[in-house]
Structure formats: C-alpha cells, structure tokens
C-alpha cells in the first residue's frame, strides 16, 4: 500500500538515510523509486 513519493517523505521524517524496494516478483517500480529516493536525498 506504500506510495513511493509518500514513502520518501516518511523515511526523511524518521531520520533514515536509505530504503529498499522489494516488490513481489516484479521490478515495475524500481525506476520511479530510484528517482524519488535520489530527489529526496
């Protein structure tokens, strides 16, 4: 249920510096995830 953009906001809020994407059986979200994470530092 995690939206990628909102996920990055929450990671920053928690003071975390990294996060993994491990979707079930697919890599559909990897590019959007990578770009969103990089943009958020």
ModelCIF file with pLDDT and N, C-alpha, C, O atoms, coordinates in Angstrom:
data_MODEL
#
_entry.id   MODEL 
#
_entity.id                         1 
_entity.type                       polymer 
_entity.pdbx_number_of_molecules   1 
#
_entity_poly.entity_id                      1 
_entity_poly.type                           'polypeptide(L)' 
_entity_poly.nstd_linkage                   no 
_entity_poly.nstd_monomer                   no 
_entity_poly.pdbx_seq_one_letter_code       
;(UNK)(UNK)(UNK)(UNK)(UNK)(UNK)(UNK)(UNK)(UNK)(UNK)(UNK)(UNK)(UNK)(UNK)(UNK)(UNK)
(UNK)(UNK)(UNK)(UNK)(UNK)(UNK)(UNK)(UNK)(UNK)(UNK)(UNK)(UNK)(UNK)(UNK)(UNK)(UNK)
(UNK)(UNK)(UNK)(UNK)(UNK)(UNK)(UNK)(UNK)(UNK)
;
_entity_poly.pdbx_seq_one_letter_code_can   XXXXXXXXXXXXXXXXXXXXXXXXXXXXXXXXXXXXXXXXX 
_entity_poly.pdbx_strand_id                 A 
#
loop_
_entity_poly_seq.entity_id 
_entity_poly_seq.num 
_entity_poly_seq.mon_id 
_entity_poly_seq.hetero 
1 1  UNK n 
1 2  UNK n 
1 3  UNK n 
1 4  UNK n 
1 5  UNK n 
1 6  UNK n 
1 7  UNK n 
1 8  UNK n 
1 9  UNK n 
1 10 UNK n 
1 11 UNK n 
1 12 UNK n 
1 13 UNK n 
1 14 UNK n 
1 15 UNK n 
1 16 UNK n 
1 17 UNK n 
1 18 UNK n 
1 19 UNK n 
1 20 UNK n 
1 21 UNK n 
1 22 UNK n 
1 23 UNK n 
1 24 UNK n 
1 25 UNK n 
1 26 UNK n 
1 27 UNK n 
1 28 UNK n 
1 29 UNK n 
1 30 UNK n 
1 31 UNK n 
1 32 UNK n 
1 33 UNK n 
1 34 UNK n 
1 35 UNK n 
1 36 UNK n 
1 37 UNK n 
1 38 UNK n 
1 39 UNK n 
1 40 UNK n 
1 41 UNK n 
#
_struct_asym.id          A 
_struct_asym.entity_id   1 
#
loop_
_ma_qa_metric.id 
_ma_qa_metric.mode 
_ma_qa_metric.name 
_ma_qa_metric.software_group_id 
_ma_qa_metric.type 
1 global pLDDT . pLDDT 
2 local  pLDDT . pLDDT 
#
_ma_qa_metric_global.metric_id      1 
_ma_qa_metric_global.metric_value   94.95 
_ma_qa_metric_global.model_id       1 
_ma_qa_metric_global.ordinal_id     1 
#
loop_
_ma_qa_metric_local.label_asym_id 
_ma_qa_metric_local.label_comp_id 
_ma_qa_metric_local.label_seq_id 
_ma_qa_metric_local.metric_id 
_ma_qa_metric_local.metric_value 
_ma_qa_metric_local.model_id 
_ma_qa_metric_local.ordinal_id 
A UNK 1  2 84.00 1 1  
A UNK 2  2 89.00 1 2  
A UNK 3  2 93.00 1 3  
A UNK 4  2 93.00 1 4  
A UNK 5  2 85.00 1 5  
A UNK 6  2 91.00 1 6  
A UNK 7  2 94.00 1 7  
A UNK 8  2 94.00 1 8  
A UNK 9  2 93.00 1 9  
A UNK 10 2 94.00 1 10 
A UNK 11 2 94.00 1 11 
A UNK 12 2 93.00 1 12 
A UNK 13 2 94.00 1 13 
A UNK 14 2 93.00 1 14 
A UNK 15 2 93.00 1 15 
A UNK 16 2 94.00 1 16 
A UNK 17 2 95.00 1 17 
A UNK 18 2 97.00 1 18 
A UNK 19 2 97.00 1 19 
A UNK 20 2 98.00 1 20 
A UNK 21 2 98.00 1 21 
A UNK 22 2 98.00 1 22 
A UNK 23 2 97.00 1 23 
A UNK 24 2 97.00 1 24 
A UNK 25 2 97.00 1 25 
A UNK 26 2 97.00 1 26 
A UNK 27 2 98.00 1 27 
A UNK 28 2 96.00 1 28 
A UNK 29 2 96.00 1 29 
A UNK 30 2 97.00 1 30 
A UNK 31 2 97.00 1 31 
A UNK 32 2 97.00 1 32 
A UNK 33 2 97.00 1 33 
A UNK 34 2 98.00 1 34 
A UNK 35 2 97.00 1 35 
A UNK 36 2 97.00 1 36 
A UNK 37 2 97.00 1 37 
A UNK 38 2 97.00 1 38 
A UNK 39 2 96.00 1 39 
A UNK 40 2 95.00 1 40 
A UNK 41 2 96.00 1 41 
#
loop_
_atom_site.group_PDB 
_atom_site.id 
_atom_site.type_symbol 
_atom_site.label_atom_id 
_atom_site.label_alt_id 
_atom_site.label_comp_id 
_atom_site.label_asym_id 
_atom_site.label_entity_id 
_atom_site.label_seq_id 
_atom_site.pdbx_PDB_ins_code 
_atom_site.Cartn_x 
_atom_site.Cartn_y 
_atom_site.Cartn_z 
_atom_site.occupancy 
_atom_site.B_iso_or_equiv 
_atom_site.pdbx_formal_charge 
_atom_site.auth_seq_id 
_atom_site.auth_comp_id 
_atom_site.auth_asym_id 
_atom_site.auth_atom_id 
_atom_site.pdbx_PDB_model_num 
ATOM 1   N N  . UNK A 1 1  ? 0.806  -1.222  0.000   1.00 84.00 ? 1  UNK A N  1 
ATOM 2   C CA . UNK A 1 1  ? 0.000  0.000   0.000   1.00 84.00 ? 1  UNK A CA 1 
ATOM 3   C C  . UNK A 1 1  ? 0.838  1.271   0.000   1.00 84.00 ? 1  UNK A C  1 
ATOM 4   O O  . UNK A 1 1  ? 0.288  2.367   -0.108  1.00 84.00 ? 1  UNK A O  1 
ATOM 5   N N  . UNK A 1 2  ? 2.153  1.148   0.118   1.00 89.00 ? 2  UNK A N  1 
ATOM 6   C CA . UNK A 1 2  ? 3.017  2.332   0.209   1.00 89.00 ? 2  UNK A CA 1 
ATOM 7   C C  . UNK A 1 2  ? 3.167  3.006   -1.149  1.00 89.00 ? 2  UNK A C  1 
ATOM 8   O O  . UNK A 1 2  ? 3.581  2.370   -2.118  1.00 89.00 ? 2  UNK A O  1 
ATOM 9   N N  . UNK A 1 3  ? 2.833  4.278   -1.221  1.00 93.00 ? 3  UNK A N  1 
ATOM 10  C CA . UNK A 1 3  ? 3.079  5.081   -2.415  1.00 93.00 ? 3  UNK A CA 1 
ATOM 11  C C  . UNK A 1 3  ? 4.528  5.548   -2.360  1.00 93.00 ? 3  UNK A C  1 
ATOM 12  O O  . UNK A 1 3  ? 4.999  5.983   -1.309  1.00 93.00 ? 3  UNK A O  1 
ATOM 13  N N  . UNK A 1 4  ? 5.227  5.463   -3.466  1.00 93.00 ? 4  UNK A N  1 
ATOM 14  C CA . UNK A 1 4  ? 6.660  5.750   -3.473  1.00 93.00 ? 4  UNK A CA 1 
ATOM 15  C C  . UNK A 1 4  ? 6.967  7.176   -3.007  1.00 93.00 ? 4  UNK A C  1 
ATOM 16  O O  . UNK A 1 4  ? 7.852  7.365   -2.172  1.00 93.00 ? 4  UNK A O  1 
ATOM 17  N N  . UNK A 1 5  ? 6.269  8.168   -3.519  1.00 85.00 ? 5  UNK A N  1 
ATOM 18  C CA . UNK A 1 5  ? 6.553  9.553   -3.120  1.00 85.00 ? 5  UNK A CA 1 
ATOM 19  C C  . UNK A 1 5  ? 6.319  9.770   -1.630  1.00 85.00 ? 5  UNK A C  1 
ATOM 20  O O  . UNK A 1 5  ? 7.152  10.368  -0.949  1.00 85.00 ? 5  UNK A O  1 
ATOM 21  N N  . UNK A 1 6  ? 5.202  9.292   -1.129  1.00 91.00 ? 6  UNK A N  1 
ATOM 22  C CA . UNK A 1 6  ? 4.912  9.431   0.294   1.00 91.00 ? 6  UNK A CA 1 
ATOM 23  C C  . UNK A 1 6  ? 5.894  8.662   1.164   1.00 91.00 ? 6  UNK A C  1 
ATOM 24  O O  . UNK A 1 6  ? 6.198  9.070   2.285   1.00 91.00 ? 6  UNK A O  1 
ATOM 25  N N  . UNK A 1 7  ? 6.386  7.546   0.639   1.00 94.00 ? 7  UNK A N  1 
ATOM 26  C CA . UNK A 1 7  ? 7.357  6.733   1.361   1.00 94.00 ? 7  UNK A CA 1 
ATOM 27  C C  . UNK A 1 7  ? 8.628  7.520   1.649   1.00 94.00 ? 7  UNK A C  1 
ATOM 28  O O  . UNK A 1 7  ? 9.172  7.442   2.751   1.00 94.00 ? 7  UNK A O  1 
ATOM 29  N N  . UNK A 1 8  ? 9.101  8.273   0.671   1.00 94.00 ? 8  UNK A N  1 
ATOM 30  C CA . UNK A 1 8  ? 10.329 9.040   0.855   1.00 94.00 ? 8  UNK A CA 1 
ATOM 31  C C  . UNK A 1 8  ? 10.147 10.141  1.904   1.00 94.00 ? 8  UNK A C  1 
ATOM 32  O O  . UNK A 1 8  ? 11.065 10.430  2.672   1.00 94.00 ? 8  UNK A O  1 
ATOM 33  N N  . UNK A 1 9  ? 8.973  10.746  1.932   1.00 93.00 ? 9  UNK A N  1 
ATOM 34  C CA . UNK A 1 9  ? 8.687  11.755  2.965   1.00 93.00 ? 9  UNK A CA 1 
ATOM 35  C C  . UNK A 1 9  ? 8.757  11.123  4.350   1.00 93.00 ? 9  UNK A C  1 
ATOM 36  O O  . UNK A 1 9  ? 9.296  11.713  5.286   1.00 93.00 ? 9  UNK A O  1 
ATOM 37  N N  . UNK A 1 10 ? 8.213  9.929   4.469   1.00 94.00 ? 10 UNK A N  1 
ATOM 38  C CA . UNK A 1 10 ? 8.201  9.241   5.771   1.00 94.00 ? 10 UNK A CA 1 
ATOM 39  C C  . UNK A 1 10 ? 9.608  8.812   6.191   1.00 94.00 ? 10 UNK A C  1 
ATOM 40  O O  . UNK A 1 10 ? 9.963  8.906   7.366   1.00 94.00 ? 10 UNK A O  1 
ATOM 41  N N  . UNK A 1 11 ? 10.403 8.343   5.237   1.00 94.00 ? 11 UNK A N  1 
ATOM 42  C CA . UNK A 1 11 ? 11.785 7.945   5.530   1.00 94.00 ? 11 UNK A CA 1 
ATOM 43  C C  . UNK A 1 11 ? 12.561 9.138   6.086   1.00 94.00 ? 11 UNK A C  1 
ATOM 44  O O  . UNK A 1 11 ? 13.284 9.005   7.074   1.00 94.00 ? 11 UNK A O  1 
ATOM 45  N N  . UNK A 1 12 ? 12.411 10.299  5.454   1.00 93.00 ? 12 UNK A N  1 
ATOM 46  C CA . UNK A 1 12 ? 13.098 11.508  5.921   1.00 93.00 ? 12 UNK A CA 1 
ATOM 47  C C  . UNK A 1 12 ? 12.590 11.925  7.298   1.00 93.00 ? 12 UNK A C  1 
ATOM 48  O O  . UNK A 1 12 ? 13.367 12.341  8.157   1.00 93.00 ? 12 UNK A O  1 
ATOM 49  N N  . UNK A 1 13 ? 11.291 11.811  7.496   1.00 94.00 ? 13 UNK A N  1 
ATOM 50  C CA . UNK A 1 13 ? 10.684 12.169  8.785   1.00 94.00 ? 13 UNK A CA 1 
ATOM 51  C C  . UNK A 1 13 ? 11.257 11.326  9.918   1.00 94.00 ? 13 UNK A C  1 
ATOM 52  O O  . UNK A 1 13 ? 11.429 11.806  11.038  1.00 94.00 ? 13 UNK A O  1 
ATOM 53  N N  . UNK A 1 14 ? 11.548 10.072  9.615   1.00 93.00 ? 14 UNK A N  1 
ATOM 54  C CA . UNK A 1 14 ? 12.083 9.150   10.624  1.00 93.00 ? 14 UNK A CA 1 
ATOM 55  C C  . UNK A 1 14 ? 13.598 9.273   10.781  1.00 93.00 ? 14 UNK A C  1 
ATOM 56  O O  . UNK A 1 14 ? 14.189 8.613   11.636  1.00 93.00 ? 14 UNK A O  1 
ATOM 57  N N  . UNK A 1 15 ? 14.220 10.108  9.968   1.00 93.00 ? 15 UNK A N  1 
ATOM 58  C CA . UNK A 1 15 ? 15.660 10.303  10.073  1.00 93.00 ? 15 UNK A CA 1 
ATOM 59  C C  . UNK A 1 15 ? 16.465 9.167   9.490   1.00 93.00 ? 15 UNK A C  1 
ATOM 60  O O  . UNK A 1 15 ? 17.641 9.004   9.815   1.00 93.00 ? 15 UNK A O  1 
ATOM 61  N N  . UNK A 1 16 ? 15.838 8.373   8.623   1.00 94.00 ? 16 UNK A N  1 
ATOM 62  C CA . UNK A 1 16 ? 16.533 7.263   7.983   1.00 94.00 ? 16 UNK A CA 1 
ATOM 63  C C  . UNK A 1 16 ? 17.196 7.754   6.694   1.00 94.00 ? 16 UNK A C  1 
ATOM 64  O O  . UNK A 1 16 ? 16.738 8.713   6.073   1.00 94.00 ? 16 UNK A O  1 
ATOM 65  N N  . UNK A 1 17 ? 18.270 7.089   6.306   1.00 95.00 ? 17 UNK A N  1 
ATOM 66  C CA . UNK A 1 17 ? 19.065 7.573   5.176   1.00 95.00 ? 17 UNK A CA 1 
ATOM 67  C C  . UNK A 1 17 ? 18.991 6.681   3.935   1.00 95.00 ? 17 UNK A C  1 
ATOM 68  O O  . UNK A 1 17 ? 19.522 7.042   2.885   1.00 95.00 ? 17 UNK A O  1 
ATOM 69  N N  . UNK A 1 18 ? 18.344 5.531   4.044   1.00 97.00 ? 18 UNK A N  1 
ATOM 70  C CA . UNK A 1 18 ? 18.261 4.598   2.918   1.00 97.00 ? 18 UNK A CA 1 
ATOM 71  C C  . UNK A 1 18 ? 17.008 3.757   3.051   1.00 97.00 ? 18 UNK A C  1 
ATOM 72  O O  . UNK A 1 18 ? 16.447 3.627   4.139   1.00 97.00 ? 18 UNK A O  1 
ATOM 73  N N  . UNK A 1 19 ? 16.574 3.187   1.940   1.00 97.00 ? 19 UNK A N  1 
ATOM 74  C CA . UNK A 1 19 ? 15.427 2.265   1.958   1.00 97.00 ? 19 UNK A CA 1 
ATOM 75  C C  . UNK A 1 19 ? 15.495 1.368   0.724   1.00 97.00 ? 19 UNK A C  1 
ATOM 76  O O  . UNK A 1 19 ? 15.985 1.773   -0.330  1.00 97.00 ? 19 UNK A O  1 
ATOM 77  N N  . UNK A 1 20 ? 14.996 0.150   0.877   1.00 98.00 ? 20 UNK A N  1 
ATOM 78  C CA . UNK A 1 20 ? 14.978 -0.804  -0.237  1.00 98.00 ? 20 UNK A CA 1 
ATOM 79  C C  . UNK A 1 20 ? 13.573 -0.938  -0.794  1.00 98.00 ? 20 UNK A C  1 
ATOM 80  O O  . UNK A 1 20 ? 12.583 -0.727  -0.093  1.00 98.00 ? 20 UNK A O  1 
ATOM 81  N N  . UNK A 1 21 ? 13.509 -1.290  -2.065  1.00 98.00 ? 21 UNK A N  1 
ATOM 82  C CA . UNK A 1 21 ? 12.244 -1.679  -2.694  1.00 98.00 ? 21 UNK A CA 1 
ATOM 83  C C  . UNK A 1 21 ? 12.335 -3.170  -2.990  1.00 98.00 ? 21 UNK A C  1 
ATOM 84  O O  . UNK A 1 21 ? 13.266 -3.619  -3.660  1.00 98.00 ? 21 UNK A O  1 
ATOM 85  N N  . UNK A 1 22 ? 11.361 -3.941  -2.487  1.00 98.00 ? 22 UNK A N  1 
ATOM 86  C CA . UNK A 1 22 ? 11.380 -5.393  -2.697  1.00 98.00 ? 22 UNK A CA 1 
ATOM 87  C C  . UNK A 1 22 ? 9.980  -5.871  -3.049  1.00 98.00 ? 22 UNK A C  1 
ATOM 88  O O  . UNK A 1 22 ? 9.390  -6.680  -2.332  1.00 98.00 ? 22 UNK A O  1 
ATOM 89  N N  . UNK A 1 23 ? 9.461  -5.373  -4.143  1.00 97.00 ? 23 UNK A N  1 
ATOM 90  C CA . UNK A 1 23 ? 8.116  -5.768  -4.553  1.00 97.00 ? 23 UNK A CA 1 
ATOM 91  C C  . UNK A 1 23 ? 8.079  -7.244  -4.932  1.00 97.00 ? 23 UNK A C  1 
ATOM 92  O O  . UNK A 1 23 ? 9.091  -7.841  -5.297  1.00 97.00 ? 23 UNK A O  1 
ATOM 93  N N  . UNK A 1 24 ? 6.882  -7.808  -4.833  1.00 97.00 ? 24 UNK A N  1 
ATOM 94  C CA . UNK A 1 24 ? 6.712  -9.246  -5.068  1.00 97.00 ? 24 UNK A CA 1 
ATOM 95  C C  . UNK A 1 24 ? 6.822  -9.609  -6.539  1.00 97.00 ? 24 UNK A C  1 
ATOM 96  O O  . UNK A 1 24 ? 5.931  -9.306  -7.332  1.00 97.00 ? 24 UNK A O  1 
ATOM 97  N N  . UNK A 1 25 ? 7.930  -10.264 -6.899  1.00 97.00 ? 25 UNK A N  1 
ATOM 98  C CA . UNK A 1 25 ? 8.082  -10.851 -8.220  1.00 97.00 ? 25 UNK A CA 1 
ATOM 99  C C  . UNK A 1 25 ? 8.318  -9.888  -9.358  1.00 97.00 ? 25 UNK A C  1 
ATOM 100 O O  . UNK A 1 25 ? 8.519  -10.318 -10.494 1.00 97.00 ? 25 UNK A O  1 
ATOM 101 N N  . UNK A 1 26 ? 8.300  -8.559  -9.080  1.00 97.00 ? 26 UNK A N  1 
ATOM 102 C CA . UNK A 1 26 ? 8.389  -7.591  -10.177 1.00 97.00 ? 26 UNK A CA 1 
ATOM 103 C C  . UNK A 1 26 ? 9.358  -6.463  -9.833  1.00 97.00 ? 26 UNK A C  1 
ATOM 104 O O  . UNK A 1 26 ? 9.731  -6.261  -8.677  1.00 97.00 ? 26 UNK A O  1 
ATOM 105 N N  . UNK A 1 27 ? 9.750  -5.734  -10.882 1.00 98.00 ? 27 UNK A N  1 
ATOM 106 C CA . UNK A 1 27 ? 10.614 -4.558  -10.708 1.00 98.00 ? 27 UNK A CA 1 
ATOM 107 C C  . UNK A 1 27 ? 9.971  -3.324  -11.349 1.00 98.00 ? 27 UNK A C  1 
ATOM 108 O O  . UNK A 1 27 ? 10.669 -2.378  -11.714 1.00 98.00 ? 27 UNK A O  1 
ATOM 109 N N  . UNK A 1 28 ? 8.655  -3.337  -11.484 1.00 96.00 ? 28 UNK A N  1 
ATOM 110 C CA . UNK A 1 28 ? 7.954  -2.250  -12.174 1.00 96.00 ? 28 UNK A CA 1 
ATOM 111 C C  . UNK A 1 28 ? 8.211  -0.883  -11.548 1.00 96.00 ? 28 UNK A C  1 
ATOM 112 O O  . UNK A 1 28 ? 8.254  0.127   -12.251 1.00 96.00 ? 28 UNK A O  1 
ATOM 113 N N  . UNK A 1 29 ? 8.380  -0.850  -10.236 1.00 96.00 ? 29 UNK A N  1 
ATOM 114 C CA . UNK A 1 29 ? 8.500  0.430   -9.554  1.00 96.00 ? 29 UNK A CA 1 
ATOM 115 C C  . UNK A 1 29 ? 9.921  0.929   -9.365  1.00 96.00 ? 29 UNK A C  1 
ATOM 116 O O  . UNK A 1 29 ? 10.126 2.002   -8.798  1.00 96.00 ? 29 UNK A O  1 
ATOM 117 N N  . UNK A 1 30 ? 10.899 0.176   -9.828  1.00 97.00 ? 30 UNK A N  1 
ATOM 118 C CA . UNK A 1 30 ? 12.298 0.481   -9.487  1.00 97.00 ? 30 UNK A CA 1 
ATOM 119 C C  . UNK A 1 30 ? 12.781 1.841   -10.012 1.00 97.00 ? 30 UNK A C  1 
ATOM 120 O O  . UNK A 1 30 ? 13.500 2.549   -9.307  1.00 97.00 ? 30 UNK A O  1 
ATOM 121 N N  . UNK A 1 31 ? 12.402 2.205   -11.218 1.00 97.00 ? 31 UNK A N  1 
ATOM 122 C CA . UNK A 1 31 ? 12.874 3.478   -11.777 1.00 97.00 ? 31 UNK A CA 1 
ATOM 123 C C  . UNK A 1 31 ? 12.254 4.648   -11.017 1.00 97.00 ? 31 UNK A C  1 
ATOM 124 O O  . UNK A 1 31 ? 12.959 5.575   -10.617 1.00 97.00 ? 31 UNK A O  1 
ATOM 125 N N  . UNK A 1 32 ? 10.928 4.607   -10.816 1.00 97.00 ? 32 UNK A N  1 
ATOM 126 C CA . UNK A 1 32 ? 10.263 5.666   -10.051 1.00 97.00 ? 32 UNK A CA 1 
ATOM 127 C C  . UNK A 1 32 ? 10.825 5.747   -8.632  1.00 97.00 ? 32 UNK A C  1 
ATOM 128 O O  . UNK A 1 32 ? 11.029 6.837   -8.098  1.00 97.00 ? 32 UNK A O  1 
ATOM 129 N N  . UNK A 1 33 ? 11.070 4.588   -8.032  1.00 97.00 ? 33 UNK A N  1 
ATOM 130 C CA . UNK A 1 33 ? 11.623 4.511   -6.677  1.00 97.00 ? 33 UNK A CA 1 
ATOM 131 C C  . UNK A 1 33 ? 13.011 5.156   -6.630  1.00 97.00 ? 33 UNK A C  1 
ATOM 132 O O  . UNK A 1 33 ? 13.306 5.954   -5.740  1.00 97.00 ? 33 UNK A O  1 
ATOM 133 N N  . UNK A 1 34 ? 13.848 4.801   -7.593  1.00 98.00 ? 34 UNK A N  1 
ATOM 134 C CA . UNK A 1 34 ? 15.216 5.324   -7.646  1.00 98.00 ? 34 UNK A CA 1 
ATOM 135 C C  . UNK A 1 34 ? 15.201 6.846   -7.784  1.00 98.00 ? 34 UNK A C  1 
ATOM 136 O O  . UNK A 1 34 ? 15.911 7.549   -7.064  1.00 98.00 ? 34 UNK A O  1 
ATOM 137 N N  . UNK A 1 35 ? 14.392 7.345   -8.705  1.00 97.00 ? 35 UNK A N  1 
ATOM 138 C CA . UNK A 1 35 ? 14.330 8.787   -8.939  1.00 97.00 ? 35 UNK A CA 1 
ATOM 139 C C  . UNK A 1 35 ? 13.799 9.531   -7.715  1.00 97.00 ? 35 UNK A C  1 
ATOM 140 O O  . UNK A 1 35 ? 14.325 10.582  -7.347  1.00 97.00 ? 35 UNK A O  1 
ATOM 141 N N  . UNK A 1 36 ? 12.755 8.984   -7.083  1.00 97.00 ? 36 UNK A N  1 
ATOM 142 C CA . UNK A 1 36 ? 12.165 9.630   -5.906  1.00 97.00 ? 36 UNK A CA 1 
ATOM 143 C C  . UNK A 1 36 ? 13.144 9.646   -4.742  1.00 97.00 ? 36 UNK A C  1 
ATOM 144 O O  . UNK A 1 36 ? 13.254 10.642  -4.027  1.00 97.00 ? 36 UNK A O  1 
ATOM 145 N N  . UNK A 1 37 ? 13.862 8.528   -4.554  1.00 97.00 ? 37 UNK A N  1 
ATOM 146 C CA . UNK A 1 37 ? 14.835 8.458   -3.460  1.00 97.00 ? 37 UNK A CA 1 
ATOM 147 C C  . UNK A 1 37 ? 15.970 9.451   -3.678  1.00 97.00 ? 37 UNK A C  1 
ATOM 148 O O  . UNK A 1 37 ? 16.358 10.169  -2.756  1.00 97.00 ? 37 UNK A O  1 
ATOM 149 N N  . UNK A 1 38 ? 16.496 9.493   -4.884  1.00 97.00 ? 38 UNK A N  1 
ATOM 150 C CA . UNK A 1 38 ? 17.589 10.418  -5.195  1.00 97.00 ? 38 UNK A CA 1 
ATOM 151 C C  . UNK A 1 38 ? 17.159 11.873  -4.991  1.00 97.00 ? 38 UNK A C  1 
ATOM 152 O O  . UNK A 1 38 ? 17.914 12.679  -4.447  1.00 97.00 ? 38 UNK A O  1 
ATOM 153 N N  . UNK A 1 39 ? 15.950 12.199  -5.427  1.00 96.00 ? 39 UNK A N  1 
ATOM 154 C CA . UNK A 1 39 ? 15.445 13.563  -5.286  1.00 96.00 ? 39 UNK A CA 1 
ATOM 155 C C  . UNK A 1 39 ? 15.286 13.953  -3.824  1.00 96.00 ? 39 UNK A C  1 
ATOM 156 O O  . UNK A 1 39 ? 15.398 15.126  -3.469  1.00 96.00 ? 39 UNK A O  1 
ATOM 157 N N  . UNK A 1 40 ? 15.024 12.963  -2.980  1.00 95.00 ? 40 UNK A N  1 
ATOM 158 C CA . UNK A 1 40 ? 14.819 13.217  -1.551  1.00 95.00 ? 40 UNK A CA 1 
ATOM 159 C C  . UNK A 1 40 ? 16.111 13.105  -0.746  1.00 95.00 ? 40 UNK A C  1 
ATOM 160 O O  . UNK A 1 40 ? 16.107 13.330  0.464   1.00 95.00 ? 40 UNK A O  1 
ATOM 161 N N  . UNK A 1 41 ? 17.225 12.758  -1.411  1.00 96.00 ? 41 UNK A N  1 
ATOM 162 C CA . UNK A 1 41 ? 18.491 12.591  -0.697  1.00 96.00 ? 41 UNK A CA 1 
ATOM 163 C C  . UNK A 1 41 ? 18.567 11.298  0.086   1.00 96.00 ? 41 UNK A C  1 
ATOM 164 O O  . UNK A 1 41 ? 19.577 11.028  0.735   1.00 96.00 ? 41 UNK A O  1 
#
